[in-house]
Each structure stands twice: as structure tokens, then as C-alpha cells.
Amino acid sequence: MAVITIPFDYDPQRDGGSVVPIYLSDTDDDGETIFFGWIEAVIPVQDKLRAVSRRVLGDVWRVSELTDLTIHHLWRKYGENVGRNPAFRVYVTAKRMAYSLEDPGARVHLALNISLDALEEYRDHALIRDNADTESVYHTNLDLGRFEAKLRELGREDEFEVYMMLKAGYYWYEIGQRLGRNPNTVYRQFRRLLRRIAGHL
């Protein structure tokens, strides 16, 4: 498995401050090499993909996650049939994919400058919720407890660490940086783990 960087001639020392690179895996979840035409199709629309990541996901650095998922989806669906305008197909699919990836919790992570007064107000409001709401939160906490127990049982220590970072609001690129690994690989491995856990709950 290889990680492909777009632009192909990206140089961190030369371009680090001006270009957000797009990292793509050239191998799908079954170990097959993705048709290179899909990867090439990213090049003409790479700036548009960065713009979608910035606008919809609130973080231009999630462009690798978004593009990688898009390429894998198109490869699974169409194989080597890239069509007459593969770049347009990549862009349209990525836009749709971005809205499915949008996480309201990520917006909270961006708002790190929230005032202490607003935080106090939120806490006070949370303390005076009605019993039905409290019961709902209680059941949510129970479900999370079951999930975390299964995660400890079925997952590795580093996978539990990934979960705790996600829970704290970290983005995939931040998790990759902290673990010293490709964020797309971490994402796909964690997604497989979630499917495995779901079968045991």
C-alpha cells in the first residue's frame, strides 16, 4: 500500500505554508489497487475539494479524509469506468460526501474561544432539565459505557486512544499527527473496528 500526495510534486519545505496536501491511499479495504484514473481525476478539482472541506467541514485539513473516502466510493461503484468527466464526478460526489461527514460536534471543537459566561449559562441550563431529558442522558451514558467496555475488550490500546481523542473533538489529521500515522489509515482501521463492535452489542 502506498500513500499518494497531491500535488504530486508537493514539497513540505517549499509548499508547506501555501498548499494543504491531499493524501490518498492507492489501495482499497480489500487490498486491491485503486484504478489510477480516479486519483488523477482529483488534480483538476483539488482546490475545489479544499474549498468544500473548509466550507462544509469547517477544516481544510480534512480534505484528505474527504477525498480518500470519495475515491474509494467511486472505485467500489464504477471500477475502472471513470466516465467522460471523472474530475467532475469526483467533485460532485465529494460535495455530497462532505454533508454526510459534517459533524455538529466538530463545530464545537472550532469554538475554543467560547466565553466562560456562556459556559456557565450552558451548565446551569443543563442542571435544570426535566426528568425525561435526564433519563435520556442516563440511557445514552449507559450505551456509551457498553460501547467503551466492548472497545476495551475487542480493540487495542491505541484504538481506545483514538476513540478518546475523537470523543474530545480531535480531527482525523490531528489524531494521525499525534500517533505518527497516516490519518486515512487510522480512520479506515477504526471504522472496521466499529463494525466489529457493532456485531457484539
N, C-alpha and C. Protein backbone atom coordinates (compact mmCIF):
# COMPACT_ATOMS: atom_id res chain seq x y z
N MET A 1 0.84 -1.20 0.00
CA MET A 1 0.00 0.00 0.00
C MET A 1 0.88 1.25 0.00
N ALA A 2 0.55 2.19 -0.87
CA ALA A 2 1.31 3.44 -0.94
C ALA A 2 0.37 4.62 -0.68
N VAL A 3 0.94 5.67 -0.14
CA VAL A 3 0.19 6.91 0.05
C VAL A 3 0.62 7.88 -1.04
N ILE A 4 -0.34 8.37 -1.78
CA ILE A 4 -0.07 9.30 -2.88
C ILE A 4 -0.39 10.71 -2.42
N THR A 5 0.49 11.64 -2.70
CA THR A 5 0.30 13.03 -2.30
C THR A 5 -0.05 13.87 -3.52
N ILE A 6 -1.06 14.70 -3.36
CA ILE A 6 -1.44 15.66 -4.42
C ILE A 6 -1.30 17.06 -3.83
N PRO A 7 -0.58 17.95 -4.51
CA PRO A 7 0.11 17.82 -5.80
C PRO A 7 1.20 16.74 -5.76
N PHE A 8 1.44 16.08 -6.92
CA PHE A 8 2.43 15.02 -6.99
C PHE A 8 3.82 15.52 -6.62
N ASP A 9 4.10 16.80 -6.92
CA ASP A 9 5.44 17.34 -6.65
C ASP A 9 5.47 18.13 -5.33
N TYR A 10 4.53 17.81 -4.42
CA TYR A 10 4.45 18.55 -3.15
C TYR A 10 5.75 18.40 -2.36
N ASP A 11 6.26 19.52 -1.89
CA ASP A 11 7.47 19.56 -1.08
C ASP A 11 7.14 20.32 0.20
N PRO A 12 7.13 19.65 1.36
CA PRO A 12 6.75 20.32 2.62
C PRO A 12 7.57 21.58 2.90
N GLN A 13 8.86 21.54 2.56
CA GLN A 13 9.71 22.70 2.84
C GLN A 13 9.38 23.86 1.91
N ARG A 14 9.05 23.53 0.67
CA ARG A 14 8.75 24.59 -0.30
C ARG A 14 7.28 25.04 -0.24
N ASP A 15 6.37 24.05 -0.09
CA ASP A 15 4.93 24.35 -0.23
C ASP A 15 4.17 24.33 1.10
N GLY A 16 4.85 23.94 2.18
CA GLY A 16 4.17 23.73 3.46
C GLY A 16 3.27 24.85 3.92
N GLY A 17 3.69 26.10 3.69
CA GLY A 17 2.90 27.23 4.17
C GLY A 17 1.81 27.68 3.22
N SER A 18 1.82 27.17 1.98
CA SER A 18 0.87 27.71 1.00
C SER A 18 -0.11 26.68 0.44
N VAL A 19 0.21 25.39 0.56
CA VAL A 19 -0.65 24.36 -0.02
C VAL A 19 -0.99 23.31 1.03
N VAL A 20 -2.27 22.98 1.15
CA VAL A 20 -2.67 21.86 2.01
C VAL A 20 -2.64 20.61 1.14
N PRO A 21 -1.74 19.68 1.43
CA PRO A 21 -1.63 18.49 0.58
C PRO A 21 -2.83 17.57 0.75
N ILE A 22 -3.10 16.76 -0.26
CA ILE A 22 -4.15 15.75 -0.18
C ILE A 22 -3.45 14.40 -0.21
N TYR A 23 -3.65 13.61 0.86
CA TYR A 23 -3.03 12.29 0.95
C TYR A 23 -4.08 11.23 0.62
N LEU A 24 -3.76 10.36 -0.33
CA LEU A 24 -4.69 9.32 -0.76
C LEU A 24 -4.01 7.95 -0.69
N SER A 25 -4.76 6.97 -0.23
CA SER A 25 -4.27 5.60 -0.27
C SER A 25 -4.56 5.01 -1.64
N ASP A 26 -3.60 4.29 -2.21
CA ASP A 26 -3.82 3.71 -3.54
C ASP A 26 -4.40 2.30 -3.46
N THR A 27 -4.78 1.87 -2.23
CA THR A 27 -5.28 0.51 -2.01
C THR A 27 -6.61 0.57 -1.28
N ASP A 28 -7.57 -0.27 -1.71
CA ASP A 28 -8.88 -0.27 -1.05
C ASP A 28 -8.86 -1.19 0.17
N ASP A 29 -10.01 -1.31 0.85
CA ASP A 29 -10.08 -2.11 2.07
C ASP A 29 -9.86 -3.59 1.83
N ASP A 30 -10.02 -4.04 0.59
CA ASP A 30 -9.79 -5.45 0.26
C ASP A 30 -8.37 -5.72 -0.23
N GLY A 31 -7.54 -4.68 -0.22
CA GLY A 31 -6.15 -4.85 -0.64
C GLY A 31 -5.92 -4.70 -2.12
N GLU A 32 -6.97 -4.30 -2.87
CA GLU A 32 -6.82 -4.10 -4.32
C GLU A 32 -6.32 -2.69 -4.61
N THR A 33 -5.51 -2.56 -5.65
CA THR A 33 -5.01 -1.25 -6.05
C THR A 33 -6.10 -0.49 -6.80
N ILE A 34 -6.36 0.73 -6.35
CA ILE A 34 -7.40 1.57 -6.95
C ILE A 34 -6.93 2.03 -8.34
N PHE A 35 -7.83 2.02 -9.31
CA PHE A 35 -7.51 2.46 -10.66
C PHE A 35 -6.98 3.89 -10.61
N PHE A 36 -5.80 4.10 -11.20
CA PHE A 36 -5.10 5.38 -11.05
C PHE A 36 -5.87 6.55 -11.68
N GLY A 37 -6.77 6.24 -12.61
CA GLY A 37 -7.58 7.30 -13.23
C GLY A 37 -8.40 8.08 -12.23
N TRP A 38 -8.85 7.40 -11.14
CA TRP A 38 -9.61 8.11 -10.10
C TRP A 38 -8.71 9.07 -9.33
N ILE A 39 -7.49 8.67 -9.09
CA ILE A 39 -6.55 9.54 -8.36
C ILE A 39 -6.17 10.73 -9.22
N GLU A 40 -5.91 10.48 -10.52
CA GLU A 40 -5.59 11.59 -11.44
C GLU A 40 -6.75 12.58 -11.55
N ALA A 41 -7.98 12.07 -11.40
CA ALA A 41 -9.16 12.94 -11.54
C ALA A 41 -9.25 13.97 -10.42
N VAL A 42 -8.50 13.76 -9.35
CA VAL A 42 -8.52 14.71 -8.23
C VAL A 42 -7.77 16.00 -8.60
N ILE A 43 -6.75 15.87 -9.43
CA ILE A 43 -5.84 17.00 -9.72
C ILE A 43 -6.58 18.25 -10.22
N PRO A 44 -7.46 18.15 -11.24
CA PRO A 44 -8.10 19.38 -11.75
C PRO A 44 -9.04 20.05 -10.74
N VAL A 45 -9.53 19.27 -9.74
CA VAL A 45 -10.52 19.84 -8.81
C VAL A 45 -9.98 19.93 -7.38
N GLN A 46 -8.66 19.80 -7.22
CA GLN A 46 -8.11 19.76 -5.87
C GLN A 46 -8.41 21.02 -5.06
N ASP A 47 -8.36 22.19 -5.69
CA ASP A 47 -8.67 23.43 -4.96
C ASP A 47 -10.14 23.49 -4.57
N LYS A 48 -11.00 22.97 -5.45
CA LYS A 48 -12.44 22.94 -5.13
C LYS A 48 -12.70 22.00 -3.95
N LEU A 49 -11.97 20.90 -3.90
CA LEU A 49 -12.13 19.96 -2.79
C LEU A 49 -11.67 20.58 -1.47
N ARG A 50 -10.59 21.34 -1.53
CA ARG A 50 -10.13 22.04 -0.32
C ARG A 50 -11.19 23.05 0.13
N ALA A 51 -11.80 23.73 -0.84
CA ALA A 51 -12.82 24.73 -0.52
C ALA A 51 -14.04 24.07 0.12
N VAL A 52 -14.44 22.90 -0.39
CA VAL A 52 -15.58 22.17 0.20
C VAL A 52 -15.25 21.76 1.63
N SER A 53 -14.04 21.27 1.85
CA SER A 53 -13.63 20.87 3.20
C SER A 53 -13.66 22.05 4.16
N ARG A 54 -13.18 23.18 3.67
CA ARG A 54 -13.15 24.38 4.51
C ARG A 54 -14.57 24.85 4.82
N ARG A 55 -15.42 24.88 3.79
CA ARG A 55 -16.76 25.45 3.94
C ARG A 55 -17.73 24.50 4.68
N VAL A 56 -17.75 23.25 4.28
CA VAL A 56 -18.75 22.32 4.84
C VAL A 56 -18.26 21.66 6.13
N LEU A 57 -16.99 21.24 6.14
CA LEU A 57 -16.47 20.52 7.30
C LEU A 57 -15.80 21.45 8.31
N GLY A 58 -15.62 22.72 7.90
CA GLY A 58 -15.03 23.69 8.82
C GLY A 58 -13.54 23.51 9.02
N ASP A 59 -12.90 22.72 8.16
CA ASP A 59 -11.48 22.42 8.35
C ASP A 59 -10.87 21.97 7.03
N VAL A 60 -10.06 22.80 6.42
CA VAL A 60 -9.46 22.47 5.13
C VAL A 60 -8.57 21.23 5.22
N TRP A 61 -8.04 20.95 6.42
CA TRP A 61 -7.16 19.80 6.58
C TRP A 61 -7.90 18.48 6.51
N ARG A 62 -9.22 18.50 6.51
CA ARG A 62 -9.99 17.26 6.35
C ARG A 62 -10.15 16.88 4.88
N VAL A 63 -9.51 17.64 3.99
CA VAL A 63 -9.63 17.37 2.56
C VAL A 63 -9.10 15.97 2.21
N SER A 64 -8.08 15.49 2.90
CA SER A 64 -7.57 14.14 2.64
C SER A 64 -8.62 13.09 2.98
N GLU A 65 -9.22 13.25 4.15
CA GLU A 65 -10.27 12.32 4.58
C GLU A 65 -11.41 12.30 3.57
N LEU A 66 -11.87 13.50 3.20
CA LEU A 66 -13.00 13.63 2.27
C LEU A 66 -12.66 13.03 0.90
N THR A 67 -11.50 13.37 0.36
CA THR A 67 -11.13 12.91 -0.98
C THR A 67 -10.87 11.41 -1.01
N ASP A 68 -10.21 10.91 0.03
CA ASP A 68 -9.93 9.48 0.09
C ASP A 68 -11.23 8.67 0.12
N LEU A 69 -12.18 9.09 0.94
CA LEU A 69 -13.47 8.40 1.00
C LEU A 69 -14.19 8.47 -0.34
N THR A 70 -14.10 9.63 -0.99
CA THR A 70 -14.74 9.82 -2.29
C THR A 70 -14.16 8.87 -3.34
N ILE A 71 -12.84 8.81 -3.42
CA ILE A 71 -12.16 7.96 -4.39
C ILE A 71 -12.50 6.49 -4.15
N HIS A 72 -12.50 6.08 -2.89
CA HIS A 72 -12.82 4.69 -2.55
C HIS A 72 -14.26 4.36 -2.93
N HIS A 73 -15.16 5.29 -2.69
CA HIS A 73 -16.57 5.09 -3.05
C HIS A 73 -16.73 4.94 -4.56
N LEU A 74 -16.11 5.83 -5.33
CA LEU A 74 -16.23 5.79 -6.78
C LEU A 74 -15.59 4.51 -7.35
N TRP A 75 -14.47 4.11 -6.79
CA TRP A 75 -13.79 2.89 -7.24
C TRP A 75 -14.68 1.67 -6.99
N ARG A 76 -15.30 1.61 -5.79
CA ARG A 76 -16.20 0.49 -5.48
C ARG A 76 -17.40 0.46 -6.42
N LYS A 77 -17.92 1.65 -6.73
CA LYS A 77 -19.15 1.74 -7.53
C LYS A 77 -18.91 1.55 -9.02
N TYR A 78 -17.83 2.13 -9.55
CA TYR A 78 -17.63 2.15 -11.00
C TYR A 78 -16.41 1.37 -11.49
N GLY A 79 -15.54 0.96 -10.60
CA GLY A 79 -14.33 0.27 -11.04
C GLY A 79 -13.48 1.16 -11.94
N GLU A 80 -13.05 0.64 -13.08
CA GLU A 80 -12.18 1.41 -13.98
C GLU A 80 -12.97 2.33 -14.92
N ASN A 81 -14.29 2.30 -14.84
CA ASN A 81 -15.12 3.14 -15.70
C ASN A 81 -15.22 4.56 -15.11
N VAL A 82 -14.25 5.39 -15.43
CA VAL A 82 -14.21 6.74 -14.86
C VAL A 82 -15.17 7.71 -15.54
N GLY A 83 -15.70 7.32 -16.71
CA GLY A 83 -16.65 8.19 -17.42
C GLY A 83 -15.95 9.28 -18.22
N ARG A 84 -16.77 10.14 -18.83
CA ARG A 84 -16.22 11.18 -19.73
C ARG A 84 -15.58 12.33 -18.96
N ASN A 85 -16.07 12.59 -17.74
CA ASN A 85 -15.52 13.72 -16.97
C ASN A 85 -15.31 13.27 -15.53
N PRO A 86 -14.26 12.47 -15.29
CA PRO A 86 -14.05 11.93 -13.93
C PRO A 86 -13.82 12.99 -12.87
N ALA A 87 -13.17 14.10 -13.23
CA ALA A 87 -12.91 15.17 -12.24
C ALA A 87 -14.23 15.75 -11.73
N PHE A 88 -15.17 15.96 -12.64
CA PHE A 88 -16.48 16.48 -12.25
C PHE A 88 -17.19 15.47 -11.36
N ARG A 89 -17.06 14.20 -11.69
CA ARG A 89 -17.70 13.14 -10.89
C ARG A 89 -17.11 13.11 -9.48
N VAL A 90 -15.79 13.28 -9.39
CA VAL A 90 -15.12 13.32 -8.08
C VAL A 90 -15.65 14.51 -7.27
N TYR A 91 -15.73 15.67 -7.90
CA TYR A 91 -16.16 16.88 -7.19
C TYR A 91 -17.60 16.77 -6.69
N VAL A 92 -18.49 16.32 -7.55
CA VAL A 92 -19.91 16.21 -7.18
C VAL A 92 -20.10 15.19 -6.05
N THR A 93 -19.41 14.07 -6.16
CA THR A 93 -19.51 13.03 -5.13
C THR A 93 -18.93 13.53 -3.81
N ALA A 94 -17.81 14.26 -3.88
CA ALA A 94 -17.18 14.78 -2.67
C ALA A 94 -18.09 15.79 -1.96
N LYS A 95 -18.79 16.61 -2.74
CA LYS A 95 -19.72 17.57 -2.12
C LYS A 95 -20.81 16.84 -1.35
N ARG A 96 -21.35 15.80 -1.96
CA ARG A 96 -22.39 15.00 -1.29
C ARG A 96 -21.81 14.34 -0.04
N MET A 97 -20.63 13.78 -0.19
CA MET A 97 -19.96 13.08 0.91
C MET A 97 -19.67 14.04 2.07
N ALA A 98 -19.31 15.27 1.76
CA ALA A 98 -18.96 16.24 2.80
C ALA A 98 -20.14 16.49 3.73
N TYR A 99 -21.34 16.58 3.18
CA TYR A 99 -22.50 16.83 4.02
C TYR A 99 -22.82 15.64 4.91
N SER A 100 -22.47 14.43 4.44
CA SER A 100 -22.70 13.26 5.28
C SER A 100 -21.63 13.16 6.37
N LEU A 101 -20.45 13.76 6.13
CA LEU A 101 -19.37 13.75 7.12
C LEU A 101 -19.49 14.88 8.13
N GLU A 102 -20.29 15.89 7.78
CA GLU A 102 -20.37 17.07 8.63
C GLU A 102 -20.80 16.66 10.03
N ASP A 103 -20.06 17.10 11.01
CA ASP A 103 -20.30 16.73 12.39
C ASP A 103 -20.54 17.98 13.22
N PRO A 104 -21.76 18.15 13.75
CA PRO A 104 -22.01 19.35 14.57
C PRO A 104 -21.02 19.48 15.72
N GLY A 105 -20.56 18.33 16.26
CA GLY A 105 -19.59 18.38 17.35
C GLY A 105 -18.28 19.00 16.94
N ALA A 106 -17.93 18.87 15.64
CA ALA A 106 -16.67 19.45 15.16
C ALA A 106 -16.72 20.96 15.25
N ARG A 107 -17.93 21.52 15.07
CA ARG A 107 -18.04 22.97 15.15
C ARG A 107 -17.78 23.46 16.57
N VAL A 108 -18.15 22.63 17.56
CA VAL A 108 -17.86 22.96 18.95
C VAL A 108 -16.35 22.99 19.16
N HIS A 109 -15.66 22.02 18.54
CA HIS A 109 -14.20 21.94 18.66
C HIS A 109 -13.54 23.20 18.11
N LEU A 110 -14.15 23.80 17.07
CA LEU A 110 -13.58 25.01 16.49
C LEU A 110 -13.79 26.22 17.40
N ALA A 111 -14.87 26.17 18.19
CA ALA A 111 -15.21 27.35 19.00
C ALA A 111 -14.49 27.30 20.34
N LEU A 112 -13.19 27.25 20.30
CA LEU A 112 -12.41 27.14 21.54
C LEU A 112 -12.38 28.44 22.33
N ASN A 113 -12.80 29.53 21.69
CA ASN A 113 -12.76 30.81 22.38
C ASN A 113 -14.10 31.13 23.04
N ILE A 114 -14.92 30.11 23.32
CA ILE A 114 -16.21 30.34 23.96
C ILE A 114 -15.99 31.01 25.33
N SER A 115 -16.83 31.95 25.66
CA SER A 115 -16.61 32.70 26.91
C SER A 115 -17.01 31.86 28.12
N LEU A 116 -16.40 32.15 29.27
CA LEU A 116 -16.73 31.43 30.50
C LEU A 116 -18.17 31.69 30.90
N ASP A 117 -18.67 32.89 30.64
CA ASP A 117 -20.07 33.20 30.97
C ASP A 117 -21.02 32.29 30.22
N ALA A 118 -20.76 32.11 28.93
CA ALA A 118 -21.63 31.25 28.10
C ALA A 118 -21.54 29.81 28.59
N LEU A 119 -20.35 29.40 29.01
CA LEU A 119 -20.17 28.04 29.51
C LEU A 119 -20.96 27.84 30.80
N GLU A 120 -20.92 28.84 31.69
CA GLU A 120 -21.68 28.77 32.94
C GLU A 120 -23.18 28.68 32.65
N GLU A 121 -23.63 29.50 31.69
CA GLU A 121 -25.05 29.51 31.32
C GLU A 121 -25.48 28.13 30.80
N TYR A 122 -24.62 27.52 29.98
CA TYR A 122 -24.92 26.19 29.45
C TYR A 122 -25.02 25.18 30.58
N ARG A 123 -24.08 25.27 31.54
CA ARG A 123 -24.07 24.31 32.64
C ARG A 123 -25.33 24.46 33.51
N ASP A 124 -25.70 25.73 33.78
CA ASP A 124 -26.91 25.97 34.57
C ASP A 124 -28.13 25.40 33.87
N HIS A 125 -28.20 25.62 32.55
CA HIS A 125 -29.34 25.11 31.77
C HIS A 125 -29.37 23.58 31.84
N ALA A 126 -28.20 22.96 31.76
CA ALA A 126 -28.12 21.50 31.77
C ALA A 126 -28.59 20.94 33.11
N LEU A 127 -28.39 21.70 34.20
CA LEU A 127 -28.74 21.20 35.52
C LEU A 127 -30.25 21.27 35.80
N ILE A 128 -30.99 22.07 35.02
CA ILE A 128 -32.42 22.21 35.32
C ILE A 128 -33.30 21.56 34.25
N ARG A 129 -32.74 20.58 33.53
CA ARG A 129 -33.56 19.89 32.54
C ARG A 129 -34.59 19.01 33.23
N ASP A 130 -35.67 18.69 32.51
CA ASP A 130 -36.72 17.87 33.13
C ASP A 130 -36.28 16.42 33.24
N ASN A 131 -37.06 15.62 33.98
CA ASN A 131 -36.68 14.24 34.28
C ASN A 131 -36.55 13.37 33.04
N ALA A 132 -37.45 13.56 32.05
CA ALA A 132 -37.41 12.75 30.84
C ALA A 132 -36.09 12.95 30.12
N ASP A 133 -35.65 14.21 30.06
CA ASP A 133 -34.39 14.51 29.39
C ASP A 133 -33.23 13.87 30.16
N THR A 134 -33.29 13.95 31.49
CA THR A 134 -32.24 13.37 32.33
C THR A 134 -32.18 11.86 32.12
N GLU A 135 -33.36 11.24 32.01
CA GLU A 135 -33.41 9.79 31.79
C GLU A 135 -32.79 9.42 30.44
N SER A 136 -33.06 10.25 29.44
CA SER A 136 -32.50 10.02 28.10
C SER A 136 -30.97 10.08 28.15
N VAL A 137 -30.44 11.09 28.87
CA VAL A 137 -28.99 11.23 29.01
C VAL A 137 -28.42 10.02 29.75
N TYR A 138 -29.16 9.55 30.77
CA TYR A 138 -28.72 8.39 31.55
C TYR A 138 -28.57 7.16 30.65
N HIS A 139 -29.57 6.93 29.78
CA HIS A 139 -29.51 5.78 28.87
C HIS A 139 -28.39 5.94 27.85
N THR A 140 -28.18 7.19 27.38
CA THR A 140 -27.08 7.44 26.45
C THR A 140 -25.75 7.09 27.10
N ASN A 141 -25.61 7.49 28.39
CA ASN A 141 -24.37 7.20 29.12
C ASN A 141 -24.18 5.69 29.30
N LEU A 142 -25.31 4.98 29.54
CA LEU A 142 -25.23 3.52 29.67
C LEU A 142 -24.76 2.89 28.37
N ASP A 143 -25.34 3.37 27.22
CA ASP A 143 -24.95 2.83 25.92
C ASP A 143 -23.48 3.10 25.64
N LEU A 144 -23.03 4.31 25.98
CA LEU A 144 -21.62 4.63 25.79
C LEU A 144 -20.74 3.74 26.65
N GLY A 145 -21.22 3.47 27.87
CA GLY A 145 -20.48 2.59 28.79
C GLY A 145 -20.32 1.19 28.21
N ARG A 146 -21.41 0.64 27.63
CA ARG A 146 -21.36 -0.68 27.00
C ARG A 146 -20.39 -0.68 25.82
N PHE A 147 -20.50 0.41 25.01
CA PHE A 147 -19.62 0.52 23.84
C PHE A 147 -18.15 0.57 24.27
N GLU A 148 -17.86 1.39 25.28
CA GLU A 148 -16.47 1.53 25.71
C GLU A 148 -15.93 0.23 26.29
N ALA A 149 -16.80 -0.52 26.99
CA ALA A 149 -16.37 -1.81 27.54
C ALA A 149 -16.01 -2.77 26.41
N LYS A 150 -16.85 -2.79 25.35
CA LYS A 150 -16.57 -3.66 24.20
C LYS A 150 -15.32 -3.20 23.46
N LEU A 151 -15.13 -1.89 23.40
CA LEU A 151 -13.94 -1.35 22.74
C LEU A 151 -12.69 -1.79 23.47
N ARG A 152 -12.72 -1.76 24.80
CA ARG A 152 -11.56 -2.21 25.59
C ARG A 152 -11.32 -3.71 25.38
N GLU A 153 -12.43 -4.46 25.23
CA GLU A 153 -12.32 -5.91 25.09
C GLU A 153 -11.81 -6.31 23.70
N LEU A 154 -12.33 -5.66 22.65
CA LEU A 154 -12.04 -6.07 21.28
C LEU A 154 -10.93 -5.26 20.60
N GLY A 155 -10.69 -4.06 21.11
CA GLY A 155 -9.72 -3.19 20.46
C GLY A 155 -8.37 -3.19 21.15
N ARG A 156 -7.43 -2.56 20.48
CA ARG A 156 -6.10 -2.40 21.08
C ARG A 156 -6.06 -1.10 21.87
N GLU A 157 -4.98 -0.94 22.62
CA GLU A 157 -4.83 0.25 23.46
C GLU A 157 -4.80 1.53 22.61
N ASP A 158 -4.11 1.47 21.45
CA ASP A 158 -4.02 2.67 20.61
C ASP A 158 -5.38 2.99 19.98
N GLU A 159 -6.24 1.96 19.75
CA GLU A 159 -7.57 2.21 19.20
C GLU A 159 -8.47 2.87 20.24
N PHE A 160 -8.29 2.50 21.51
CA PHE A 160 -9.05 3.17 22.57
C PHE A 160 -8.58 4.62 22.68
N GLU A 161 -7.29 4.84 22.47
CA GLU A 161 -6.74 6.20 22.49
C GLU A 161 -7.36 7.04 21.36
N VAL A 162 -7.52 6.42 20.18
CA VAL A 162 -8.17 7.10 19.05
C VAL A 162 -9.59 7.50 19.44
N TYR A 163 -10.32 6.58 20.07
CA TYR A 163 -11.70 6.85 20.49
C TYR A 163 -11.75 8.03 21.46
N MET A 164 -10.83 8.04 22.43
CA MET A 164 -10.82 9.12 23.43
C MET A 164 -10.52 10.47 22.77
N MET A 165 -9.65 10.47 21.75
CA MET A 165 -9.35 11.72 21.04
C MET A 165 -10.56 12.18 20.23
N LEU A 166 -11.27 11.23 19.61
CA LEU A 166 -12.49 11.58 18.87
C LEU A 166 -13.53 12.17 19.82
N LYS A 167 -13.66 11.55 20.97
CA LYS A 167 -14.62 11.99 21.98
C LYS A 167 -14.29 13.41 22.45
N ALA A 168 -12.99 13.71 22.47
CA ALA A 168 -12.55 15.04 22.90
C ALA A 168 -12.65 16.08 21.79
N GLY A 169 -13.02 15.64 20.57
CA GLY A 169 -13.24 16.59 19.48
C GLY A 169 -12.07 16.76 18.52
N TYR A 170 -11.08 15.86 18.59
CA TYR A 170 -9.96 15.97 17.67
C TYR A 170 -10.39 15.60 16.25
N TYR A 171 -9.74 16.20 15.25
CA TYR A 171 -9.95 15.83 13.86
C TYR A 171 -9.03 14.66 13.51
N TRP A 172 -9.36 13.97 12.39
CA TRP A 172 -8.55 12.81 11.99
C TRP A 172 -7.11 13.21 11.70
N TYR A 173 -6.89 14.37 11.08
CA TYR A 173 -5.49 14.73 10.78
C TYR A 173 -4.71 14.98 12.07
N GLU A 174 -5.40 15.50 13.12
CA GLU A 174 -4.74 15.72 14.41
C GLU A 174 -4.40 14.38 15.07
N ILE A 175 -5.33 13.43 14.97
CA ILE A 175 -5.11 12.10 15.54
C ILE A 175 -3.92 11.44 14.84
N GLY A 176 -3.89 11.55 13.50
CA GLY A 176 -2.77 10.99 12.75
C GLY A 176 -1.44 11.58 13.18
N GLN A 177 -1.44 12.90 13.38
CA GLN A 177 -0.20 13.58 13.81
C GLN A 177 0.25 13.07 15.17
N ARG A 178 -0.70 12.94 16.10
CA ARG A 178 -0.36 12.52 17.46
C ARG A 178 0.16 11.08 17.49
N LEU A 179 -0.39 10.24 16.59
CA LEU A 179 0.02 8.84 16.56
C LEU A 179 1.20 8.61 15.62
N GLY A 180 1.54 9.64 14.82
CA GLY A 180 2.62 9.48 13.85
C GLY A 180 2.25 8.53 12.72
N ARG A 181 0.95 8.54 12.33
CA ARG A 181 0.47 7.64 11.29
C ARG A 181 -0.38 8.40 10.29
N ASN A 182 -0.63 7.79 9.12
CA ASN A 182 -1.49 8.40 8.11
C ASN A 182 -2.92 8.46 8.65
N PRO A 183 -3.55 9.65 8.70
CA PRO A 183 -4.90 9.76 9.27
C PRO A 183 -5.94 8.94 8.52
N ASN A 184 -5.78 8.78 7.19
CA ASN A 184 -6.74 7.99 6.43
C ASN A 184 -6.69 6.52 6.84
N THR A 185 -5.49 6.01 7.09
CA THR A 185 -5.33 4.63 7.52
C THR A 185 -5.95 4.43 8.90
N VAL A 186 -5.69 5.38 9.80
CA VAL A 186 -6.26 5.31 11.16
C VAL A 186 -7.78 5.30 11.08
N TYR A 187 -8.33 6.18 10.21
CA TYR A 187 -9.78 6.28 10.06
C TYR A 187 -10.38 4.96 9.59
N ARG A 188 -9.77 4.36 8.54
CA ARG A 188 -10.33 3.13 7.99
C ARG A 188 -10.24 1.97 8.99
N GLN A 189 -9.13 1.89 9.73
CA GLN A 189 -8.98 0.83 10.72
C GLN A 189 -9.99 0.99 11.85
N PHE A 190 -10.21 2.24 12.26
CA PHE A 190 -11.17 2.48 13.33
C PHE A 190 -12.59 2.18 12.87
N ARG A 191 -12.90 2.50 11.59
CA ARG A 191 -14.22 2.20 11.03
C ARG A 191 -14.46 0.69 11.02
N ARG A 192 -13.44 -0.11 10.67
CA ARG A 192 -13.57 -1.57 10.69
C ARG A 192 -13.81 -2.06 12.12
N LEU A 193 -13.10 -1.45 13.08
CA LEU A 193 -13.28 -1.83 14.48
C LEU A 193 -14.71 -1.55 14.94
N LEU A 194 -15.27 -0.41 14.54
CA LEU A 194 -16.64 -0.07 14.92
C LEU A 194 -17.63 -1.10 14.39
N ARG A 195 -17.40 -1.56 13.14
CA ARG A 195 -18.29 -2.58 12.57
C ARG A 195 -18.19 -3.88 13.39
N ARG A 196 -16.98 -4.21 13.82
CA ARG A 196 -16.78 -5.43 14.61
C ARG A 196 -17.49 -5.32 15.97
N ILE A 197 -17.36 -4.15 16.58
CA ILE A 197 -18.01 -3.94 17.89
C ILE A 197 -19.52 -3.99 17.76
N ALA A 198 -20.05 -3.38 16.67
CA ALA A 198 -21.50 -3.35 16.46
C ALA A 198 -22.07 -4.77 16.42
N GLY A 199 -21.31 -5.72 15.91
CA GLY A 199 -21.77 -7.11 15.86
C GLY A 199 -21.81 -7.79 17.21
N HIS A 200 -21.20 -7.18 18.23
CA HIS A 200 -21.16 -7.78 19.57
C HIS A 200 -22.06 -7.06 20.58
N LEU A 201 -22.69 -5.96 20.16
CA LEU A 201 -23.54 -5.20 21.09
C LEU A 201 -24.97 -5.69 21.05
